[in-house]
Amino acid sequence: MLDELVALRRQTVEHPFASIKHLILGNARLLMRHTSGARAEFSLAVMAYNLKRAFNMKGAAWMHQALRG
């Protein structure tokens, strides 16, 4: 049972990480080498991924309205 749950969780998060790694970052390696820099770089990539998803799901008008407040 636990193995099935772990496998399901792995499948759920694998696609976003692959998308971030290849589409947003452009390659498989981070530019920053220390933990704090790598964390900041990956955080920016995750934010870009989430904004791109929101834009694709909600559309430009929704994004414009959300940014204007």
N, C-alpha and C. Protein backbone atom coordinates (compact mmCIF):
# COMPACT_ATOMS: atom_id res chain seq x y z
N MET A 1 0.82 -1.20 0.00
CA MET A 1 0.00 0.00 0.00
C MET A 1 0.87 1.26 0.00
N LEU A 2 1.86 1.28 0.88
CA LEU A 2 2.73 2.45 0.96
C LEU A 2 3.53 2.63 -0.32
N ASP A 3 4.00 1.53 -0.90
CA ASP A 3 4.75 1.61 -2.15
C ASP A 3 3.90 2.19 -3.27
N GLU A 4 2.62 1.84 -3.30
CA GLU A 4 1.71 2.38 -4.32
C GLU A 4 1.50 3.87 -4.13
N LEU A 5 1.38 4.31 -2.88
CA LEU A 5 1.21 5.74 -2.61
C LEU A 5 2.46 6.52 -2.98
N VAL A 6 3.61 5.98 -2.68
CA VAL A 6 4.87 6.64 -3.03
C VAL A 6 5.00 6.73 -4.55
N ALA A 7 4.65 5.66 -5.26
CA ALA A 7 4.73 5.67 -6.72
C ALA A 7 3.77 6.70 -7.31
N LEU A 8 2.56 6.80 -6.75
CA LEU A 8 1.60 7.79 -7.23
C LEU A 8 2.11 9.20 -6.99
N ARG A 9 2.68 9.44 -5.82
CA ARG A 9 3.22 10.76 -5.51
C ARG A 9 4.37 11.11 -6.45
N ARG A 10 5.21 10.15 -6.72
CA ARG A 10 6.34 10.36 -7.61
C ARG A 10 5.85 10.74 -9.01
N GLN A 11 4.80 10.07 -9.50
CA GLN A 11 4.25 10.38 -10.81
C GLN A 11 3.65 11.78 -10.84
N THR A 12 3.03 12.18 -9.73
CA THR A 12 2.36 13.48 -9.67
C THR A 12 3.35 14.63 -9.79
N VAL A 13 4.50 14.53 -9.16
CA VAL A 13 5.44 15.65 -9.14
C VAL A 13 6.52 15.55 -10.22
N GLU A 14 6.61 14.43 -10.89
CA GLU A 14 7.69 14.25 -11.86
C GLU A 14 7.54 15.20 -13.05
N HIS A 15 6.33 15.38 -13.56
CA HIS A 15 6.13 16.23 -14.73
C HIS A 15 6.48 17.70 -14.47
N PRO A 16 6.00 18.32 -13.39
CA PRO A 16 6.40 19.72 -13.16
C PRO A 16 7.91 19.90 -13.00
N PHE A 17 8.57 18.99 -12.31
CA PHE A 17 10.02 19.11 -12.16
C PHE A 17 10.73 18.97 -13.50
N ALA A 18 10.27 18.06 -14.34
CA ALA A 18 10.87 17.91 -15.67
C ALA A 18 10.62 19.16 -16.51
N SER A 19 9.42 19.72 -16.42
CA SER A 19 9.12 20.94 -17.17
C SER A 19 10.00 22.09 -16.73
N ILE A 20 10.14 22.25 -15.43
CA ILE A 20 10.98 23.32 -14.91
C ILE A 20 12.43 23.11 -15.33
N LYS A 21 12.88 21.90 -15.22
CA LYS A 21 14.27 21.59 -15.52
C LYS A 21 14.61 21.84 -16.98
N HIS A 22 13.74 21.45 -17.89
CA HIS A 22 14.07 21.52 -19.31
C HIS A 22 13.51 22.74 -20.02
N LEU A 23 12.30 23.17 -19.69
CA LEU A 23 11.69 24.28 -20.40
C LEU A 23 12.06 25.63 -19.81
N ILE A 24 12.05 25.74 -18.50
CA ILE A 24 12.33 27.02 -17.86
C ILE A 24 13.83 27.26 -17.74
N LEU A 25 14.54 26.30 -17.18
CA LEU A 25 15.98 26.47 -16.97
C LEU A 25 16.77 26.32 -18.25
N GLY A 26 16.25 25.57 -19.21
CA GLY A 26 16.91 25.42 -20.49
C GLY A 26 17.95 24.32 -20.52
N ASN A 27 18.38 23.85 -19.39
CA ASN A 27 19.33 22.74 -19.33
C ASN A 27 19.15 22.01 -18.01
N ALA A 28 19.91 21.01 -17.79
CA ALA A 28 19.71 20.15 -16.62
C ALA A 28 20.46 20.64 -15.39
N ARG A 29 21.27 21.67 -15.52
CA ARG A 29 22.09 22.09 -14.38
C ARG A 29 21.74 23.51 -13.96
N LEU A 30 21.83 23.75 -12.68
CA LEU A 30 21.65 25.09 -12.16
C LEU A 30 22.96 25.86 -12.32
N LEU A 31 22.85 27.16 -12.46
CA LEU A 31 24.05 27.98 -12.61
C LEU A 31 24.74 28.23 -11.27
N MET A 32 23.94 28.37 -10.22
CA MET A 32 24.49 28.63 -8.89
C MET A 32 24.93 27.32 -8.26
N ARG A 33 26.03 27.36 -7.53
CA ARG A 33 26.58 26.13 -6.97
C ARG A 33 26.32 25.97 -5.47
N HIS A 34 26.20 27.05 -4.73
CA HIS A 34 25.96 26.94 -3.30
C HIS A 34 24.47 26.76 -3.04
N THR A 35 24.15 26.24 -1.88
CA THR A 35 22.76 25.90 -1.56
C THR A 35 21.85 27.11 -1.64
N SER A 36 22.27 28.23 -1.08
CA SER A 36 21.41 29.41 -1.08
C SER A 36 21.17 29.93 -2.49
N GLY A 37 22.19 29.95 -3.32
CA GLY A 37 22.03 30.40 -4.70
C GLY A 37 21.19 29.45 -5.52
N ALA A 38 21.40 28.16 -5.34
CA ALA A 38 20.62 27.16 -6.07
C ALA A 38 19.16 27.22 -5.65
N ARG A 39 18.92 27.43 -4.35
CA ARG A 39 17.54 27.54 -3.87
C ARG A 39 16.87 28.76 -4.48
N ALA A 40 17.57 29.88 -4.54
CA ALA A 40 17.00 31.10 -5.12
C ALA A 40 16.74 30.90 -6.61
N GLU A 41 17.66 30.29 -7.31
CA GLU A 41 17.50 30.06 -8.75
C GLU A 41 16.31 29.14 -9.02
N PHE A 42 16.18 28.08 -8.25
CA PHE A 42 15.07 27.15 -8.46
C PHE A 42 13.75 27.80 -8.07
N SER A 43 13.75 28.64 -7.04
CA SER A 43 12.53 29.35 -6.64
C SER A 43 12.04 30.26 -7.75
N LEU A 44 12.96 30.96 -8.40
CA LEU A 44 12.58 31.80 -9.53
C LEU A 44 12.03 30.97 -10.69
N ALA A 45 12.63 29.81 -10.93
CA ALA A 45 12.14 28.92 -11.99
C ALA A 45 10.74 28.41 -11.67
N VAL A 46 10.48 28.08 -10.41
CA VAL A 46 9.15 27.62 -10.00
C VAL A 46 8.13 28.74 -10.15
N MET A 47 8.52 29.97 -9.78
CA MET A 47 7.61 31.10 -9.94
C MET A 47 7.29 31.33 -11.41
N ALA A 48 8.28 31.25 -12.27
CA ALA A 48 8.05 31.41 -13.71
C ALA A 48 7.15 30.30 -14.24
N TYR A 49 7.35 29.08 -13.78
CA TYR A 49 6.51 27.95 -14.19
C TYR A 49 5.06 28.18 -13.77
N ASN A 50 4.85 28.62 -12.52
CA ASN A 50 3.50 28.86 -12.03
C ASN A 50 2.81 30.01 -12.77
N LEU A 51 3.55 31.08 -13.06
CA LEU A 51 2.98 32.19 -13.83
C LEU A 51 2.61 31.75 -15.24
N LYS A 52 3.46 30.96 -15.85
CA LYS A 52 3.19 30.45 -17.19
C LYS A 52 1.94 29.58 -17.19
N ARG A 53 1.80 28.71 -16.18
CA ARG A 53 0.61 27.86 -16.07
C ARG A 53 -0.64 28.69 -15.86
N ALA A 54 -0.57 29.69 -14.97
CA ALA A 54 -1.73 30.54 -14.72
C ALA A 54 -2.13 31.29 -15.97
N PHE A 55 -1.15 31.80 -16.70
CA PHE A 55 -1.43 32.51 -17.94
C PHE A 55 -2.10 31.60 -18.96
N ASN A 56 -1.61 30.37 -19.09
CA ASN A 56 -2.19 29.43 -20.05
C ASN A 56 -3.57 28.95 -19.63
N MET A 57 -3.81 28.82 -18.33
CA MET A 57 -5.09 28.32 -17.86
C MET A 57 -6.15 29.41 -17.78
N LYS A 58 -5.79 30.60 -17.34
CA LYS A 58 -6.77 31.67 -17.12
C LYS A 58 -6.84 32.67 -18.26
N GLY A 59 -5.74 32.88 -18.96
CA GLY A 59 -5.75 33.80 -20.07
C GLY A 59 -5.13 35.15 -19.73
N ALA A 60 -4.92 35.93 -20.76
CA ALA A 60 -4.25 37.22 -20.61
C ALA A 60 -5.11 38.23 -19.86
N ALA A 61 -6.41 38.22 -20.09
CA ALA A 61 -7.28 39.19 -19.43
C ALA A 61 -7.29 38.98 -17.92
N TRP A 62 -7.34 37.74 -17.49
CA TRP A 62 -7.32 37.44 -16.05
C TRP A 62 -6.01 37.89 -15.43
N MET A 63 -4.90 37.62 -16.13
CA MET A 63 -3.58 37.99 -15.60
C MET A 63 -3.45 39.51 -15.50
N HIS A 64 -3.94 40.21 -16.50
CA HIS A 64 -3.88 41.67 -16.49
C HIS A 64 -4.71 42.23 -15.33
N GLN A 65 -5.90 41.68 -15.13
CA GLN A 65 -6.76 42.11 -14.04
C GLN A 65 -6.13 41.82 -12.68
N ALA A 66 -5.52 40.65 -12.54
CA ALA A 66 -4.89 40.28 -11.27
C ALA A 66 -3.71 41.18 -10.95
N LEU A 67 -2.95 41.58 -11.95
CA LEU A 67 -1.80 42.44 -11.72
C LEU A 67 -2.20 43.88 -11.41
N ARG A 68 -3.33 44.31 -11.96
CA ARG A 68 -3.78 45.68 -11.71
C ARG A 68 -4.42 45.82 -10.33
N GLY A 69 -4.90 44.72 -9.78
CA GLY A 69 -5.47 44.75 -8.42
C GLY A 69 -6.88 44.98 -8.38
